[in-house]
């Protein structure tokens, strides 16, 4: 079929309501299917955000943990509302976590969402030394900067 004949046939198809309806239905079906899969992704995202928003405030006995801490290759922010923002660089790699605190076990704290969690081992809990706050987490000495 030549380009001219194809063009004439397209014009005829465009004039035929049955062909136009089938084309629109086909496009709509593809949009609905794409939208359906997109809806599942959106629902999963909303569920994660809702669960992440369930952070409990830091309890009174752990209030010394709250603040921004920095050490060799590590930044750790523990927010009063019960969230942790963590950045660490070592051996050429980078780790980042932004999640609610799920639990405290002794001096350690566990952060995460659903079944994904990370334990922060607090080797030395927060304490004041010569007017400056320090704590050791995962073997790194941290100083409180705020």
N, C-alpha and C. Protein backbone atom coordinates (compact mmCIF):
# COMPACT_ATOMS: atom_id res chain seq x y z
N UNK A 1 0.85 -1.17 0.00
CA UNK A 1 0.00 0.00 0.00
C UNK A 1 0.90 1.23 0.00
N UNK A 2 0.63 2.19 -0.84
CA UNK A 2 1.45 3.39 -0.92
C UNK A 2 1.05 4.36 0.18
N UNK A 3 1.86 5.38 0.36
CA UNK A 3 1.57 6.39 1.37
C UNK A 3 0.27 7.10 1.07
N UNK A 4 0.01 7.35 -0.22
CA UNK A 4 -1.23 8.03 -0.61
C UNK A 4 -2.44 7.16 -0.28
N UNK A 5 -2.35 5.87 -0.58
CA UNK A 5 -3.46 4.96 -0.30
C UNK A 5 -3.67 4.83 1.22
N UNK A 6 -2.58 4.76 1.98
CA UNK A 6 -2.67 4.66 3.43
C UNK A 6 -3.37 5.89 3.99
N UNK A 7 -3.03 7.06 3.46
CA UNK A 7 -3.63 8.31 3.90
C UNK A 7 -5.12 8.32 3.61
N UNK A 8 -5.52 7.84 2.41
CA UNK A 8 -6.94 7.80 2.06
C UNK A 8 -7.67 6.83 2.98
N UNK A 9 -7.05 5.69 3.28
CA UNK A 9 -7.70 4.72 4.15
C UNK A 9 -7.85 5.29 5.56
N UNK A 10 -6.83 6.00 6.06
CA UNK A 10 -6.92 6.62 7.38
C UNK A 10 -8.07 7.62 7.41
N UNK A 11 -8.24 8.38 6.32
CA UNK A 11 -9.35 9.33 6.25
C UNK A 11 -10.68 8.61 6.30
N UNK A 12 -10.79 7.48 5.60
CA UNK A 12 -12.03 6.71 5.59
C UNK A 12 -12.30 6.16 6.98
N UNK A 13 -11.24 5.65 7.63
CA UNK A 13 -11.40 5.11 8.98
C UNK A 13 -11.84 6.20 9.96
N UNK A 14 -11.29 7.38 9.79
CA UNK A 14 -11.65 8.49 10.68
C UNK A 14 -13.11 8.86 10.53
N UNK A 15 -13.65 8.69 9.31
CA UNK A 15 -15.06 9.01 9.07
C UNK A 15 -15.98 7.92 9.59
N UNK A 16 -15.47 6.72 9.81
CA UNK A 16 -16.27 5.60 10.25
C UNK A 16 -16.35 5.60 11.78
N UNK A 17 -17.51 5.84 12.37
CA UNK A 17 -17.62 5.92 13.83
C UNK A 17 -17.22 4.62 14.54
N UNK A 18 -17.42 3.48 13.93
CA UNK A 18 -17.06 2.21 14.57
C UNK A 18 -15.55 2.11 14.76
N UNK A 19 -14.77 2.55 13.76
CA UNK A 19 -13.31 2.48 13.86
C UNK A 19 -12.81 3.46 14.92
N UNK A 20 -13.36 4.66 14.94
CA UNK A 20 -12.96 5.68 15.91
C UNK A 20 -13.27 5.19 17.32
N UNK A 21 -14.47 4.62 17.52
CA UNK A 21 -14.86 4.13 18.84
C UNK A 21 -13.93 3.01 19.30
N UNK A 22 -13.59 2.10 18.40
CA UNK A 22 -12.69 1.00 18.76
C UNK A 22 -11.32 1.55 19.15
N UNK A 23 -10.86 2.56 18.41
CA UNK A 23 -9.55 3.15 18.72
C UNK A 23 -9.59 3.82 20.09
N UNK A 24 -10.64 4.58 20.36
CA UNK A 24 -10.76 5.27 21.64
C UNK A 24 -10.87 4.25 22.77
N UNK A 25 -11.67 3.21 22.56
CA UNK A 25 -11.80 2.18 23.60
C UNK A 25 -10.46 1.51 23.86
N UNK A 26 -9.71 1.25 22.80
CA UNK A 26 -8.39 0.63 22.97
C UNK A 26 -7.47 1.52 23.76
N UNK A 27 -7.47 2.82 23.45
CA UNK A 27 -6.63 3.75 24.20
C UNK A 27 -7.09 3.86 25.64
N UNK A 28 -8.40 3.93 25.84
CA UNK A 28 -8.93 4.04 27.19
C UNK A 28 -8.57 2.81 28.01
N UNK A 29 -8.67 1.62 27.37
CA UNK A 29 -8.30 0.39 28.07
C UNK A 29 -6.85 0.41 28.50
N UNK A 30 -5.97 0.88 27.63
CA UNK A 30 -4.56 0.97 28.00
C UNK A 30 -4.36 1.96 29.13
N UNK A 31 -5.09 3.09 29.10
CA UNK A 31 -4.98 4.08 30.17
C UNK A 31 -5.47 3.52 31.49
N UNK A 32 -6.58 2.78 31.45
CA UNK A 32 -7.13 2.20 32.67
C UNK A 32 -6.14 1.20 33.26
N UNK A 33 -5.57 0.34 32.41
CA UNK A 33 -4.60 -0.64 32.90
C UNK A 33 -3.40 0.07 33.50
N UNK A 34 -2.87 1.06 32.78
CA UNK A 34 -1.73 1.81 33.33
C UNK A 34 -2.12 2.49 34.63
N UNK A 35 -3.32 3.08 34.67
CA UNK A 35 -3.78 3.75 35.87
C UNK A 35 -3.94 2.78 37.03
N UNK A 36 -4.39 1.57 36.74
CA UNK A 36 -4.58 0.55 37.77
C UNK A 36 -3.25 0.20 38.41
N UNK A 37 -2.23 -0.04 37.59
CA UNK A 37 -0.91 -0.35 38.14
C UNK A 37 -0.35 0.85 38.89
N UNK A 38 -0.56 2.04 38.37
CA UNK A 38 -0.11 3.27 39.04
C UNK A 38 -0.81 3.45 40.37
N UNK A 39 -2.09 3.04 40.43
CA UNK A 39 -2.85 3.16 41.68
C UNK A 39 -2.27 2.26 42.76
N UNK A 40 -1.84 1.06 42.38
CA UNK A 40 -1.21 0.17 43.37
C UNK A 40 0.07 0.77 43.90
N UNK A 41 0.86 1.36 43.00
CA UNK A 41 2.11 1.99 43.45
C UNK A 41 1.80 3.15 44.39
N UNK A 42 0.80 3.94 44.04
CA UNK A 42 0.42 5.08 44.87
C UNK A 42 -0.09 4.61 46.22
N UNK A 43 -0.90 3.55 46.24
CA UNK A 43 -1.41 3.00 47.48
C UNK A 43 -0.27 2.50 48.37
N UNK A 44 0.71 1.84 47.78
CA UNK A 44 1.86 1.36 48.55
C UNK A 44 2.63 2.54 49.12
N UNK A 45 2.82 3.59 48.34
CA UNK A 45 3.53 4.77 48.82
C UNK A 45 2.78 5.43 49.97
N UNK A 46 1.48 5.56 49.85
CA UNK A 46 0.67 6.15 50.91
C UNK A 46 0.76 5.30 52.19
N UNK A 47 0.70 3.98 52.04
CA UNK A 47 0.80 3.10 53.21
C UNK A 47 2.14 3.27 53.91
N UNK A 48 3.22 3.38 53.15
CA UNK A 48 4.54 3.56 53.74
C UNK A 48 4.60 4.90 54.47
N UNK A 49 4.08 5.95 53.85
CA UNK A 49 4.10 7.26 54.49
C UNK A 49 3.27 7.30 55.76
N UNK A 50 2.12 6.63 55.74
CA UNK A 50 1.28 6.58 56.94
C UNK A 50 2.01 5.84 58.06
N UNK A 51 2.61 4.71 57.72
CA UNK A 51 3.34 3.97 58.75
C UNK A 51 4.55 4.75 59.25
N UNK A 52 5.21 5.46 58.35
CA UNK A 52 6.37 6.25 58.75
C UNK A 52 5.96 7.40 59.65
N UNK A 53 4.75 7.89 59.47
CA UNK A 53 4.28 9.00 60.28
C UNK A 53 3.90 8.55 61.69
N UNK A 54 3.95 7.27 61.97
CA UNK A 54 3.56 6.73 63.26
C UNK A 54 4.68 6.77 64.29
N UNK A 55 5.67 7.59 64.08
CA UNK A 55 6.78 7.69 65.03
C UNK A 55 6.26 8.20 66.37
N UNK A 56 6.78 7.65 67.44
CA UNK A 56 6.45 8.09 68.79
C UNK A 56 7.51 9.08 69.25
N UNK A 57 7.13 10.11 69.97
CA UNK A 57 8.13 11.06 70.48
C UNK A 57 9.17 10.35 71.34
N UNK A 58 10.35 10.92 71.38
CA UNK A 58 11.43 10.35 72.19
C UNK A 58 11.01 10.43 73.66
N UNK A 59 11.09 9.31 74.39
CA UNK A 59 10.67 9.33 75.80
C UNK A 59 11.60 10.19 76.66
N UNK A 60 11.07 10.63 77.77
CA UNK A 60 11.80 11.52 78.68
C UNK A 60 13.17 10.96 79.07
N UNK A 61 13.25 9.66 79.33
CA UNK A 61 14.53 9.08 79.77
C UNK A 61 15.57 9.03 78.66
N UNK A 62 15.17 9.28 77.42
CA UNK A 62 16.11 9.29 76.29
C UNK A 62 16.28 10.69 75.70
N UNK A 63 15.82 11.72 76.39
CA UNK A 63 15.86 13.08 75.83
C UNK A 63 17.27 13.58 75.54
N UNK A 64 18.28 13.03 76.22
CA UNK A 64 19.67 13.43 75.93
C UNK A 64 20.11 12.98 74.53
N UNK A 65 19.43 12.03 73.95
CA UNK A 65 19.75 11.54 72.60
C UNK A 65 19.36 12.56 71.52
N UNK A 66 18.36 13.38 71.82
CA UNK A 66 17.82 14.32 70.83
C UNK A 66 18.85 15.37 70.46
N UNK A 67 19.03 15.57 69.15
CA UNK A 67 19.94 16.59 68.67
C UNK A 67 20.65 16.14 67.41
N UNK A 68 21.54 16.99 66.94
CA UNK A 68 22.35 16.68 65.76
C UNK A 68 23.75 16.32 66.23
N UNK A 69 24.20 15.15 65.82
CA UNK A 69 25.48 14.59 66.25
C UNK A 69 26.37 14.39 65.04
N UNK A 70 27.65 14.66 65.21
CA UNK A 70 28.60 14.45 64.11
C UNK A 70 29.88 13.82 64.62
N UNK A 71 30.43 12.95 63.78
CA UNK A 71 31.69 12.29 64.07
C UNK A 71 32.40 11.97 62.78
N UNK A 72 33.44 11.18 62.86
CA UNK A 72 34.25 10.84 61.71
C UNK A 72 33.42 10.10 60.65
N UNK A 73 33.02 10.80 59.59
CA UNK A 73 32.25 10.20 58.51
C UNK A 73 30.80 9.92 58.82
N UNK A 74 30.31 10.41 59.95
CA UNK A 74 28.93 10.10 60.35
C UNK A 74 28.20 11.36 60.80
N UNK A 75 26.94 11.46 60.36
CA UNK A 75 26.01 12.49 60.84
C UNK A 75 24.77 11.78 61.31
N UNK A 76 24.29 12.15 62.49
CA UNK A 76 23.12 11.50 63.06
C UNK A 76 22.25 12.58 63.69
N UNK A 77 21.02 12.68 63.22
CA UNK A 77 20.06 13.61 63.81
C UNK A 77 18.93 12.80 64.41
N UNK A 78 18.70 13.01 65.70
CA UNK A 78 17.60 12.35 66.39
C UNK A 78 16.62 13.44 66.76
N UNK A 79 15.43 13.37 66.16
CA UNK A 79 14.43 14.42 66.33
C UNK A 79 13.49 14.09 67.48
N UNK A 80 13.03 15.12 68.19
CA UNK A 80 12.15 14.94 69.34
C UNK A 80 10.90 14.15 68.98
N UNK A 81 10.40 14.30 67.75
CA UNK A 81 9.19 13.58 67.37
C UNK A 81 9.42 12.09 67.09
N UNK A 82 10.68 11.64 67.22
CA UNK A 82 10.96 10.21 67.11
C UNK A 82 11.46 9.74 65.76
N UNK A 83 12.08 10.62 65.01
CA UNK A 83 12.66 10.25 63.71
C UNK A 83 14.18 10.34 63.80
N UNK A 84 14.82 9.53 62.94
CA UNK A 84 16.28 9.54 62.84
C UNK A 84 16.66 9.83 61.39
N UNK A 85 17.59 10.75 61.21
CA UNK A 85 18.17 11.02 59.90
C UNK A 85 19.67 10.73 60.05
N UNK A 86 20.14 9.77 59.27
CA UNK A 86 21.50 9.24 59.44
C UNK A 86 22.22 9.24 58.10
N UNK A 87 23.46 9.69 58.10
CA UNK A 87 24.32 9.67 56.91
C UNK A 87 25.69 9.19 57.36
N UNK A 88 26.23 8.24 56.58
CA UNK A 88 27.56 7.73 56.91
C UNK A 88 28.33 7.42 55.65
N UNK A 89 29.59 7.84 55.64
CA UNK A 89 30.49 7.53 54.53
C UNK A 89 31.66 6.74 55.10
N UNK A 90 31.92 5.59 54.46
CA UNK A 90 33.09 4.80 54.84
C UNK A 90 33.42 3.82 53.73
N UNK A 91 34.70 3.58 53.58
CA UNK A 91 35.20 2.65 52.56
C UNK A 91 34.64 2.96 51.17
N UNK A 92 34.49 4.24 50.87
CA UNK A 92 34.01 4.64 49.55
C UNK A 92 32.51 4.49 49.36
N UNK A 93 31.80 4.00 50.36
CA UNK A 93 30.35 3.83 50.26
C UNK A 93 29.61 4.84 51.11
N UNK A 94 28.34 4.98 50.83
CA UNK A 94 27.51 5.95 51.55
C UNK A 94 26.23 5.26 51.99
N UNK A 95 25.83 5.47 53.25
CA UNK A 95 24.60 4.93 53.78
C UNK A 95 23.74 6.08 54.27
N UNK A 96 22.45 6.04 53.94
CA UNK A 96 21.51 7.07 54.38
C UNK A 96 20.25 6.40 54.91
N UNK A 97 19.76 6.91 56.03
CA UNK A 97 18.52 6.40 56.61
C UNK A 97 17.71 7.60 57.09
N UNK A 98 16.44 7.58 56.81
CA UNK A 98 15.50 8.58 57.32
C UNK A 98 14.25 7.80 57.71
N UNK A 99 14.12 7.48 59.00
CA UNK A 99 13.04 6.59 59.43
C UNK A 99 12.66 6.87 60.88
N UNK A 100 11.48 6.41 61.28
CA UNK A 100 11.07 6.58 62.68
C UNK A 100 11.79 5.59 63.60
N UNK A 101 11.88 5.98 64.86
CA UNK A 101 12.42 5.07 65.88
C UNK A 101 11.30 4.09 66.23
N UNK A 102 11.61 2.80 66.12
CA UNK A 102 10.62 1.76 66.43
C UNK A 102 10.69 1.33 67.88
N UNK A 103 11.91 1.27 68.44
CA UNK A 103 12.05 0.75 69.81
C UNK A 103 13.40 1.15 70.38
N UNK A 104 13.47 1.04 71.70
CA UNK A 104 14.74 1.21 72.42
C UNK A 104 15.00 -0.10 73.14
N UNK A 105 16.24 -0.55 73.08
CA UNK A 105 16.64 -1.74 73.83
C UNK A 105 17.92 -1.39 74.56
N UNK A 106 17.79 -1.18 75.86
CA UNK A 106 18.93 -0.70 76.63
C UNK A 106 19.30 0.69 76.12
N UNK A 107 20.57 0.89 75.81
CA UNK A 107 21.01 2.17 75.26
C UNK A 107 20.81 2.24 73.75
N UNK A 108 20.64 1.09 73.09
CA UNK A 108 20.49 1.03 71.63
C UNK A 108 19.09 1.51 71.21
N UNK A 109 18.97 1.90 69.95
CA UNK A 109 17.66 2.21 69.39
C UNK A 109 17.55 1.58 68.01
N UNK A 110 16.32 1.22 67.67
CA UNK A 110 16.03 0.53 66.40
C UNK A 110 15.12 1.44 65.59
N UNK A 111 15.52 1.68 64.35
CA UNK A 111 14.72 2.53 63.45
C UNK A 111 14.28 1.71 62.26
N UNK A 112 13.17 2.12 61.64
CA UNK A 112 12.74 1.44 60.44
C UNK A 112 11.26 1.59 60.18
N UNK A 113 10.85 0.99 59.07
CA UNK A 113 9.46 0.97 58.65
C UNK A 113 9.10 -0.47 58.32
N UNK A 114 8.01 -0.94 58.88
CA UNK A 114 7.53 -2.30 58.68
C UNK A 114 8.64 -3.29 59.06
N UNK A 115 9.03 -4.19 58.15
CA UNK A 115 10.03 -5.20 58.47
C UNK A 115 11.46 -4.76 58.17
N UNK A 116 11.63 -3.58 57.65
CA UNK A 116 12.97 -3.07 57.33
C UNK A 116 13.43 -2.23 58.51
N UNK A 117 14.45 -2.71 59.21
CA UNK A 117 14.91 -1.98 60.39
C UNK A 117 16.42 -2.04 60.53
N UNK A 118 16.93 -1.07 61.28
CA UNK A 118 18.36 -0.98 61.56
C UNK A 118 18.55 -0.70 63.04
N UNK A 119 19.49 -1.42 63.64
CA UNK A 119 19.82 -1.19 65.05
C UNK A 119 21.04 -0.27 65.13
N UNK A 120 20.93 0.76 65.92
CA UNK A 120 22.05 1.63 66.23
C UNK A 120 22.58 1.21 67.59
N UNK A 121 23.80 0.69 67.59
CA UNK A 121 24.43 0.23 68.83
C UNK A 121 25.08 1.44 69.50
N UNK A 122 24.57 1.77 70.67
CA UNK A 122 25.10 2.91 71.43
C UNK A 122 26.12 2.34 72.41
N UNK A 123 27.40 2.48 72.05
CA UNK A 123 28.48 1.96 72.89
C UNK A 123 28.62 2.78 74.17
N UNK A 124 28.50 4.11 74.03
CA UNK A 124 28.54 5.02 75.18
C UNK A 124 27.38 5.98 75.02
N UNK A 125 26.42 5.97 75.96
CA UNK A 125 25.27 6.85 75.85
C UNK A 125 25.68 8.33 75.97
N UNK A 126 24.77 9.23 75.60
CA UNK A 126 25.10 10.66 75.68
C UNK A 126 25.53 11.08 77.08
N UNK A 127 26.58 11.87 77.12
CA UNK A 127 27.09 12.39 78.40
C UNK A 127 27.83 13.69 78.12
N UNK A 128 27.91 14.51 79.14
CA UNK A 128 28.61 15.77 79.02
C UNK A 128 30.04 15.60 79.51
N UNK A 129 30.99 16.01 78.64
CA UNK A 129 32.40 15.95 78.97
C UNK A 129 32.99 17.35 78.72
N UNK A 130 33.47 18.00 79.77
CA UNK A 130 34.03 19.35 79.65
C UNK A 130 33.08 20.29 78.94
N UNK A 131 31.80 20.22 79.26
CA UNK A 131 30.81 21.12 78.69
C UNK A 131 30.30 20.74 77.31
N UNK A 132 30.85 19.69 76.71
CA UNK A 132 30.40 19.26 75.37
C UNK A 132 29.74 17.88 75.49
N UNK A 133 28.65 17.70 74.75
CA UNK A 133 27.96 16.42 74.74
C UNK A 133 28.62 15.48 73.75
N UNK A 134 28.84 14.23 74.18
CA UNK A 134 29.39 13.20 73.30
C UNK A 134 28.60 11.91 73.50
N UNK A 135 28.66 11.07 72.49
CA UNK A 135 28.11 9.72 72.58
C UNK A 135 28.82 8.89 71.53
N UNK A 136 28.91 7.60 71.75
CA UNK A 136 29.55 6.71 70.79
C UNK A 136 28.49 5.76 70.23
N UNK A 137 28.33 5.81 68.90
CA UNK A 137 27.35 4.97 68.21
C UNK A 137 28.07 4.15 67.14
N UNK A 138 27.86 2.86 67.17
CA UNK A 138 28.50 1.95 66.21
C UNK A 138 30.01 2.17 66.17
N UNK A 139 30.60 2.43 67.34
CA UNK A 139 32.05 2.59 67.44
C UNK A 139 32.59 3.95 67.03
N UNK A 140 31.71 4.89 66.68
CA UNK A 140 32.14 6.24 66.26
C UNK A 140 31.79 7.23 67.35
N UNK A 141 32.78 8.00 67.79
CA UNK A 141 32.55 9.05 68.80
C UNK A 141 31.89 10.22 68.10
N UNK A 142 30.73 10.61 68.62
CA UNK A 142 29.96 11.71 68.05
C UNK A 142 29.91 12.87 69.03
N UNK A 143 29.92 14.08 68.49
CA UNK A 143 29.74 15.28 69.31
C UNK A 143 28.46 15.96 68.90
N UNK A 144 27.75 16.44 69.90
CA UNK A 144 26.48 17.12 69.65
C UNK A 144 26.77 18.53 69.14
N UNK A 145 26.24 18.86 67.97
CA UNK A 145 26.46 20.19 67.40
C UNK A 145 25.24 21.08 67.56
N UNK A 146 24.09 20.51 67.84
CA UNK A 146 22.85 21.28 68.10
C UNK A 146 21.94 20.50 69.00
